[in-house]
Amino acid sequence: MKVCFVSSYPPEKGNLAEYAFHLVEELKKSRKIKRLIILANKALHPEKEKKGKVMIVRCWRTDSLLLPLNILRNIIKHKPDLVFFNCHMMSWGKNLVANFFGALLPFISRKIFNYKVIVILHNIVEAVDLDKLGIKPSKLNLFGSYLATKSLLSADRVIVTLRSFVSLLRRKYNRNNIIHIPHGTLGKKVKKPRVGGKTILVFGFWRGGKNLPLIIEAFQELRKKDRSLKLIVAGSSHPNFPGYLERMRKEYEKSGNILFTGYISPEELDKVFLPSTVVVLPYTAATGTSGVIHLAASYGKPIVASDLPEIRETAEDEGFSVSFIPVNDKEALKLAIERIIKSRKLQESMGRRNLKAAENLSFSVISRKYLDTSLEILGDREV
């Protein structure tokens, strides 16, 4: 089959570009896919990039009101058997109108142009605190979000990465085409957990809800007792919150033993995960399942995380070992980190459980579920 895959894509950062990269790397291995055309956002690269059966066509810009036309024109041009939309509620930039227009694409593609459509929906309005995303929960915005979700749910299948999203959407929108497929991991990136060391890692696209000041303050206090502790702050500012990490870096970089790495590409993950002792998610809010948990598990790392519903559901549903702390509780965070760093036995037990879960949920396993769903829609159940 010929597939169009609409998503942000590296070297562009965030808005699910990295998720798309890992999923595409597995999908392209399937003999069932003859051609995979990625309709990606503009980057400082040639207009078209082709590697084997994969072609990258950079045809749209974030925040552009013309993005639906540019994407639709390319879908029609390539005449795919199936169109994937890899998205969340703010995939298309900061502009709410552009995001609304982007959300109409599944409806237009299926209902008007009669393409088979799968939407991978990573978060939903019903489970997000809009204020924490910088969006006013006005009547207009809520109505627009409702219509946008209705359009996304018009696809042949809607795939969500949290099981609770299935019941939420089915109940509110009366749709039975919504299924759950877990996020996916990189598999086992190491044979067994690496124990020892005193390095704390935080990773991601940074904004206020990721609560970077809390872990930095906790680290500074822990370092008063142990000067050999090290904190790695990996990643860059969230695309919709430019300058956030730069401000944090300016404020804290000189406080000692804190390394700000900047953006880490999918090919560079080893550089920050292999030397880490524990991975921390000090968030005050989550918009869906956490890619960082899945990355940490792939490297067999112990995890400390805020006790948020989305993170707890991910851990319990997918079998990850996570030390949970109350949201925004610095003392509990310090105790959890100290407990793990001081115990090689705990590092190994948590790491082994996370490696096992990562192996069972690798992108190679998850991509097969995507292929099964695709072939079912196209009327071919044989894999």
Protein backbone atom coordinates (compact mmCIF):
# COMPACT_ATOMS: atom_id res chain seq x y z
CA MET A 1 0.00 0.00 0.00
CA LYS A 2 0.95 3.62 -0.49
CA VAL A 3 0.71 5.69 2.70
CA CYS A 4 0.75 9.44 3.34
CA PHE A 5 1.91 10.28 6.86
CA VAL A 6 1.09 13.86 7.90
CA SER A 7 3.22 15.07 10.80
CA SER A 8 5.98 17.32 12.02
CA TYR A 9 9.25 15.56 11.31
CA PRO A 10 12.94 15.97 12.18
CA PRO A 11 15.08 18.00 11.91
CA GLU A 12 12.13 20.13 13.04
CA LYS A 13 11.62 19.83 16.79
CA GLY A 14 8.64 18.98 18.94
CA ASN A 15 4.96 18.69 18.04
CA LEU A 16 5.45 14.91 17.74
CA ALA A 17 8.28 15.08 15.20
CA GLU A 18 10.39 12.64 17.21
CA TYR A 19 7.48 10.23 17.70
CA ALA A 20 6.88 10.28 13.94
CA PHE A 21 10.56 9.50 13.32
CA HIS A 22 10.58 6.40 15.52
CA LEU A 23 7.26 5.09 14.17
CA VAL A 24 8.23 5.67 10.53
CA GLU A 25 11.55 3.88 11.08
CA GLU A 26 9.55 0.74 11.91
CA LEU A 27 6.69 1.14 9.44
CA LYS A 28 9.06 1.42 6.50
CA LYS A 29 10.38 -2.08 7.25
CA SER A 30 7.03 -3.65 6.38
CA ARG A 31 6.70 -5.35 3.00
CA LYS A 32 3.04 -4.32 3.08
CA ILE A 33 4.05 -0.68 2.56
CA LYS A 34 5.24 0.07 -0.98
CA ARG A 35 5.70 3.82 -0.55
CA LEU A 36 5.63 6.03 2.56
CA ILE A 37 5.23 9.74 1.84
CA ILE A 38 5.76 11.99 4.85
CA LEU A 39 3.98 15.32 4.44
CA ALA A 40 6.10 17.29 6.87
CA ASN A 41 6.59 20.84 8.06
CA LYS A 42 9.11 23.11 6.36
CA ALA A 43 12.75 22.84 7.39
CA LEU A 44 16.15 24.01 6.22
CA HIS A 45 16.32 21.03 3.89
CA PRO A 46 15.48 20.35 0.24
CA GLU A 47 11.79 20.50 -0.64
CA LYS A 48 11.81 16.72 -1.18
CA GLU A 49 13.99 14.09 0.46
CA LYS A 50 13.91 10.46 -0.64
CA LYS A 51 15.47 7.46 1.08
CA GLY A 52 14.37 4.09 -0.28
CA LYS A 53 10.62 3.73 -0.06
CA VAL A 54 10.33 6.86 2.15
CA MET A 55 9.84 10.28 0.60
CA ILE A 56 9.72 13.41 2.75
CA VAL A 57 7.75 16.26 1.20
CA ARG A 58 8.04 19.45 3.24
CA CYS A 59 4.87 21.22 2.27
CA TRP A 60 3.45 23.17 5.23
CA ARG A 61 4.47 25.72 7.84
CA THR A 62 3.32 25.91 11.45
CA ASP A 63 0.84 28.73 12.16
CA SER A 64 0.07 29.13 8.46
CA LEU A 65 -3.60 29.39 7.53
CA LEU A 66 -2.69 27.85 4.17
CA LEU A 67 -1.42 24.59 5.68
CA PRO A 68 -4.66 22.64 5.01
CA LEU A 69 -4.57 23.57 1.32
CA ASN A 70 -0.89 22.67 0.99
CA ILE A 71 -1.37 19.32 2.72
CA LEU A 72 -4.53 18.43 0.79
CA ARG A 73 -2.91 19.34 -2.52
CA ASN A 74 -0.10 16.87 -1.78
CA ILE A 75 -2.44 14.13 -0.59
CA ILE A 76 -4.37 14.41 -3.84
CA LYS A 77 -1.14 14.51 -5.87
CA HIS A 78 0.25 11.30 -4.35
CA LYS A 79 -3.07 9.36 -4.35
CA PRO A 80 -2.38 7.21 -1.26
CA ASP A 81 -4.35 4.17 -0.19
CA LEU A 82 -4.28 5.46 3.38
CA VAL A 83 -3.59 8.76 5.16
CA PHE A 84 -2.20 8.97 8.71
CA PHE A 85 -2.50 12.19 10.72
CA ASN A 86 -0.07 12.19 13.67
CA CYS A 87 -1.35 15.03 15.84
CA HIS A 88 -2.45 16.55 19.09
CA MET A 89 -4.69 19.55 19.73
CA MET A 90 -1.89 22.08 19.09
CA SER A 91 0.09 20.25 16.40
CA TRP A 92 -0.02 23.03 13.88
CA GLY A 93 1.58 25.82 15.96
CA LYS A 94 0.48 28.45 18.46
CA ASN A 95 -2.21 30.00 16.25
CA LEU A 96 -5.62 28.69 17.33
CA VAL A 97 -7.17 29.31 13.91
CA ALA A 98 -4.38 27.38 12.17
CA ASN A 99 -4.88 24.51 14.63
CA PHE A 100 -8.61 24.51 13.97
CA PHE A 101 -8.04 24.40 10.21
CA GLY A 102 -5.50 21.60 10.68
CA ALA A 103 -8.00 19.60 12.69
CA LEU A 104 -10.47 19.77 9.76
CA LEU A 105 -8.10 17.81 7.51
CA PRO A 106 -9.23 14.28 8.52
CA PHE A 107 -12.88 15.20 7.88
CA ILE A 108 -12.13 16.78 4.51
CA SER A 109 -9.80 13.96 3.46
CA ARG A 110 -12.32 11.24 4.27
CA LYS A 111 -15.74 12.79 3.73
CA ILE A 112 -14.99 14.97 0.70
CA PHE A 113 -12.08 13.22 -1.04
CA ASN A 114 -12.95 9.68 0.08
CA TYR A 115 -9.53 8.66 1.40
CA LYS A 116 -9.08 6.08 4.14
CA VAL A 117 -7.89 7.97 7.21
CA ILE A 118 -6.27 7.09 10.54
CA VAL A 119 -5.75 9.76 13.20
CA ILE A 120 -3.15 9.22 15.94
CA LEU A 121 -4.45 11.56 18.65
CA HIS A 122 -1.95 12.15 21.47
CA ASN A 123 -4.08 14.38 23.69
CA ILE A 124 -7.67 15.54 23.99
CA VAL A 125 -9.30 18.73 25.25
CA GLU A 126 -11.35 16.79 27.78
CA ALA A 127 -8.20 15.74 29.66
CA VAL A 128 -6.16 18.95 29.41
CA ASP A 129 -6.07 22.04 31.62
CA LEU A 130 -6.28 24.70 28.89
CA ASP A 131 -5.04 27.46 31.20
CA LYS A 132 -1.76 25.60 31.70
CA LEU A 133 -1.34 25.45 27.92
CA GLY A 134 -1.83 29.19 27.63
CA ILE A 135 -5.32 28.88 26.12
CA LYS A 136 -8.26 30.74 27.60
CA PRO A 137 -11.16 28.34 28.28
CA SER A 138 -13.64 30.77 26.71
CA LYS A 139 -16.94 29.60 25.21
CA LEU A 140 -15.59 30.26 21.72
CA ASN A 141 -12.41 28.26 22.31
CA LEU A 142 -14.32 25.39 23.90
CA PHE A 143 -16.82 25.29 21.02
CA GLY A 144 -13.97 25.42 18.51
CA SER A 145 -12.23 22.58 20.34
CA TYR A 146 -15.45 20.55 20.25
CA LEU A 147 -15.80 20.99 16.48
CA ALA A 148 -12.11 20.25 15.97
CA THR A 149 -12.42 17.01 17.95
CA LYS A 150 -15.54 16.03 16.00
CA SER A 151 -13.54 16.42 12.79
CA LEU A 152 -10.63 14.36 14.10
CA LEU A 153 -13.05 11.63 15.19
CA SER A 154 -14.51 11.42 11.68
CA ALA A 155 -11.52 9.30 10.62
CA ASP A 156 -11.92 5.59 9.89
CA ARG A 157 -9.93 4.90 13.04
CA VAL A 158 -8.73 7.15 15.84
CA ILE A 159 -5.79 5.79 17.83
CA VAL A 160 -5.14 7.15 21.33
CA THR A 161 -2.15 6.33 23.54
CA LEU A 162 -4.04 6.33 26.86
CA ARG A 163 -6.78 3.78 27.46
CA SER A 164 -8.89 6.26 29.45
CA PHE A 165 -9.15 8.50 26.39
CA VAL A 166 -11.18 5.80 24.62
CA SER A 167 -14.03 5.88 27.14
CA LEU A 168 -13.90 9.69 27.45
CA LEU A 169 -14.28 10.22 23.72
CA ARG A 170 -16.82 7.44 23.18
CA ARG A 171 -18.99 8.77 25.97
CA LYS A 172 -18.96 12.41 24.85
CA TYR A 173 -18.96 12.01 21.07
CA ASN A 174 -20.77 8.69 20.68
CA ARG A 175 -18.11 7.24 18.38
CA ASN A 176 -17.06 3.58 18.25
CA ASN A 177 -14.04 3.98 15.94
CA ILE A 178 -11.61 4.87 18.76
CA ILE A 179 -8.98 2.33 19.82
CA HIS A 180 -6.04 2.28 22.21
CA ILE A 181 -2.50 1.50 21.10
CA PRO A 182 0.30 2.20 23.61
CA HIS A 183 2.83 4.93 22.89
CA GLY A 184 5.78 2.66 22.11
CA THR A 185 9.39 2.47 23.34
CA LEU A 186 12.78 2.09 21.69
CA GLY A 187 12.89 -1.50 22.95
CA LYS A 188 15.87 -2.61 25.07
CA LYS A 189 18.66 -0.13 24.41
CA VAL A 190 20.92 -1.91 26.91
CA LYS A 191 21.20 -5.60 27.84
CA LYS A 192 20.87 -4.92 31.55
CA PRO A 193 20.49 -1.84 33.77
CA ARG A 194 23.60 0.22 34.41
CA VAL A 195 23.75 0.93 38.12
CA GLY A 196 25.81 3.42 40.07
CA GLY A 197 26.63 7.04 39.40
CA LYS A 198 25.05 10.18 40.76
CA THR A 199 23.52 11.80 37.68
CA ILE A 200 19.94 13.07 37.57
CA LEU A 201 18.39 13.53 34.12
CA VAL A 202 15.41 15.65 33.13
CA PHE A 203 14.46 15.64 29.47
CA GLY A 204 11.91 17.11 27.11
CA PHE A 205 10.46 20.19 25.48
CA TRP A 206 10.32 22.67 28.30
CA ARG A 207 7.44 24.91 29.37
CA GLY A 208 5.92 25.98 32.67
CA GLY A 209 3.96 22.79 33.33
CA LYS A 210 7.16 20.71 33.18
CA ASN A 211 8.19 22.42 36.45
CA LEU A 212 11.92 22.73 35.83
CA PRO A 213 12.53 25.12 38.78
CA LEU A 214 11.38 22.43 41.26
CA ILE A 215 13.97 19.85 40.23
CA ILE A 216 16.73 22.47 40.05
CA GLU A 217 15.95 23.72 43.55
CA ALA A 218 15.75 20.15 44.87
CA PHE A 219 19.07 19.36 43.20
CA GLN A 220 20.74 22.43 44.72
CA GLU A 221 19.64 21.36 48.18
CA LEU A 222 20.72 17.75 47.66
CA ARG A 223 24.12 18.91 46.43
CA LYS A 224 24.79 20.67 49.72
CA LYS A 225 25.08 17.16 51.19
CA ASP A 226 26.80 15.54 48.19
CA ARG A 227 28.92 17.74 45.94
CA SER A 228 29.39 14.93 43.41
CA LEU A 229 25.76 15.00 42.29
CA LYS A 230 25.15 16.13 38.71
CA LEU A 231 22.01 17.34 36.94
CA ILE A 232 21.53 17.10 33.17
CA VAL A 233 18.80 19.30 31.69
CA ALA A 234 18.33 17.92 28.19
CA GLY A 235 16.07 19.28 25.48
CA SER A 236 14.90 22.67 24.31
CA SER A 237 12.01 25.08 24.81
CA HIS A 238 8.62 23.81 23.70
CA PRO A 239 7.86 25.16 20.19
CA ASN A 240 4.77 26.90 21.54
CA PHE A 241 6.70 28.44 24.47
CA PRO A 242 9.86 29.87 22.86
CA GLY A 243 12.54 31.23 25.18
CA TYR A 244 11.37 29.37 28.29
CA LEU A 245 14.46 27.18 28.68
CA GLU A 246 16.78 30.02 27.77
CA ARG A 247 15.43 32.02 30.70
CA MET A 248 15.86 29.06 33.03
CA ARG A 249 19.39 28.51 31.77
CA LYS A 250 20.34 32.13 32.34
CA GLU A 251 19.03 31.95 35.90
CA TYR A 252 20.48 28.61 36.99
CA GLU A 253 23.40 27.56 34.79
CA LYS A 254 26.10 29.01 37.05
CA SER A 255 24.79 27.36 40.21
CA GLY A 256 27.14 24.37 39.82
CA ASN A 257 27.11 20.87 38.26
CA ILE A 258 24.09 21.60 36.04
CA LEU A 259 24.54 20.81 32.34
CA PHE A 260 22.09 22.29 29.83
CA THR A 261 22.57 20.22 26.67
CA GLY A 262 20.14 21.88 24.28
CA TYR A 263 18.08 19.86 21.82
CA ILE A 264 18.86 16.14 21.63
CA SER A 265 18.05 14.50 18.30
CA PRO A 266 16.69 10.92 18.16
CA GLU A 267 20.15 9.72 17.11
CA GLU A 268 21.80 11.38 20.15
CA LEU A 269 19.69 9.92 22.95
CA ASP A 270 22.48 7.63 24.19
CA LYS A 271 24.55 10.68 25.17
CA VAL A 272 22.16 11.71 27.94
CA PHE A 273 20.36 8.50 28.92
CA LEU A 274 23.30 6.11 29.24
CA PRO A 275 25.19 8.14 31.90
CA SER A 276 22.06 8.96 33.93
CA THR A 277 21.27 7.28 37.25
CA VAL A 278 17.65 8.36 37.57
CA VAL A 279 15.20 10.14 35.26
CA VAL A 280 12.86 12.68 36.84
CA LEU A 281 9.50 14.05 35.63
CA PRO A 282 8.61 16.84 38.09
CA TYR A 283 5.55 17.97 36.11
CA THR A 284 2.57 19.91 37.44
CA ALA A 285 0.46 19.00 34.40
CA ALA A 286 0.48 16.42 31.62
CA THR A 287 -1.31 16.51 28.28
CA GLY A 288 -1.25 12.77 27.64
CA THR A 289 1.11 9.85 28.03
CA SER A 290 4.78 10.70 28.51
CA GLY A 291 7.39 10.01 25.84
CA VAL A 292 10.10 10.58 28.46
CA ILE A 293 8.91 7.60 30.54
CA HIS A 294 9.09 5.40 27.45
CA LEU A 295 12.60 6.61 26.63
CA ALA A 296 13.80 6.11 30.21
CA ALA A 297 12.40 2.58 30.26
CA SER A 298 14.21 1.75 27.02
CA TYR A 299 17.49 2.47 28.81
CA GLY A 300 16.51 0.59 31.98
CA LYS A 301 16.47 3.69 34.15
CA PRO A 302 14.65 4.24 37.45
CA ILE A 303 11.99 6.93 37.16
CA VAL A 304 10.69 9.50 39.64
CA ALA A 305 7.53 11.30 38.56
CA SER A 306 4.76 13.55 39.81
CA ASP A 307 1.62 11.60 40.64
CA LEU A 308 -0.51 12.84 37.75
CA PRO A 309 -3.40 10.71 36.41
CA GLU A 310 -1.91 10.38 32.92
CA ILE A 311 1.52 9.30 34.18
CA ARG A 312 0.11 6.87 36.75
CA GLU A 313 -2.17 5.32 34.12
CA THR A 314 0.77 4.91 31.76
CA ALA A 315 2.89 3.23 34.44
CA GLU A 316 0.16 0.90 35.66
CA ASP A 317 -1.18 0.01 32.21
CA GLU A 318 2.21 -0.59 30.60
CA GLY A 319 4.10 -2.09 33.54
CA PHE A 320 6.68 0.60 34.27
CA SER A 321 8.38 0.96 37.64
CA VAL A 322 7.94 4.57 38.78
CA SER A 323 8.49 6.20 42.17
CA PHE A 324 5.59 8.63 42.46
CA ILE A 325 5.66 11.85 44.48
CA PRO A 326 2.93 14.39 45.24
CA VAL A 327 2.76 17.18 42.66
CA ASN A 328 5.10 20.09 43.44
CA ASP A 329 6.41 18.46 46.64
CA LYS A 330 10.11 19.30 46.80
CA GLU A 331 10.83 17.34 49.98
CA ALA A 332 9.24 14.18 48.58
CA LEU A 333 11.18 14.67 45.36
CA LYS A 334 14.49 14.93 47.23
CA LEU A 335 13.75 11.82 49.29
CA ALA A 336 12.80 9.79 46.21
CA ILE A 337 15.98 10.78 44.36
CA GLU A 338 18.19 10.11 47.39
CA ARG A 339 16.61 6.71 47.94
CA ILE A 340 17.36 5.61 44.37
CA ILE A 341 20.87 7.07 44.14
CA LYS A 342 21.91 5.42 47.41
CA SER A 343 20.63 1.97 46.45
CA ARG A 344 22.19 0.01 43.59
CA LYS A 345 19.75 -2.80 44.36
CA LEU A 346 16.78 -0.48 43.82
CA GLN A 347 18.33 0.93 40.64
CA GLU A 348 18.70 -2.58 39.27
CA SER A 349 15.21 -3.81 40.23
CA MET A 350 13.46 -0.75 38.82
CA GLY A 351 15.68 -0.83 35.74
CA ARG A 352 15.02 -4.50 35.02
CA ARG A 353 11.26 -4.03 35.25
CA ASN A 354 11.40 -1.03 32.95
CA LEU A 355 13.58 -2.84 30.42
CA LYS A 356 11.13 -5.74 30.35
CA ALA A 357 8.20 -3.38 29.75
CA ALA A 358 10.18 -1.53 27.07
CA GLU A 359 10.89 -4.78 25.24
CA ASN A 360 7.20 -5.69 25.19
CA LEU A 361 6.21 -2.23 23.96
CA SER A 362 8.92 -1.53 21.38
CA PHE A 363 8.06 0.52 18.30
CA SER A 364 8.53 -2.66 16.26
CA VAL A 365 5.69 -4.26 18.26
CA ILE A 366 3.56 -1.11 18.21
CA SER A 367 4.05 -0.56 14.47
CA ARG A 368 2.58 -4.00 13.85
CA LYS A 369 -0.58 -2.89 15.63
CA TYR A 370 -0.71 0.14 13.34
CA LEU A 371 -0.30 -2.13 10.32
CA ASP A 372 -3.03 -4.49 11.55
CA THR A 373 -5.38 -1.51 11.91
CA SER A 374 -4.42 -0.19 8.48
CA LEU A 375 -4.99 -3.49 6.73
CA GLU A 376 -8.31 -3.98 8.51
CA ILE A 377 -9.50 -0.62 7.19
CA LEU A 378 -8.33 -1.50 3.68
CA GLY A 379 -10.05 -4.87 3.86
CA ASP A 380 -6.87 -6.98 4.12
CA ARG A 381 -6.51 -8.69 7.49
CA GLU A 382 -3.47 -10.68 6.41
CA VAL A 383 -0.18 -9.26 7.80
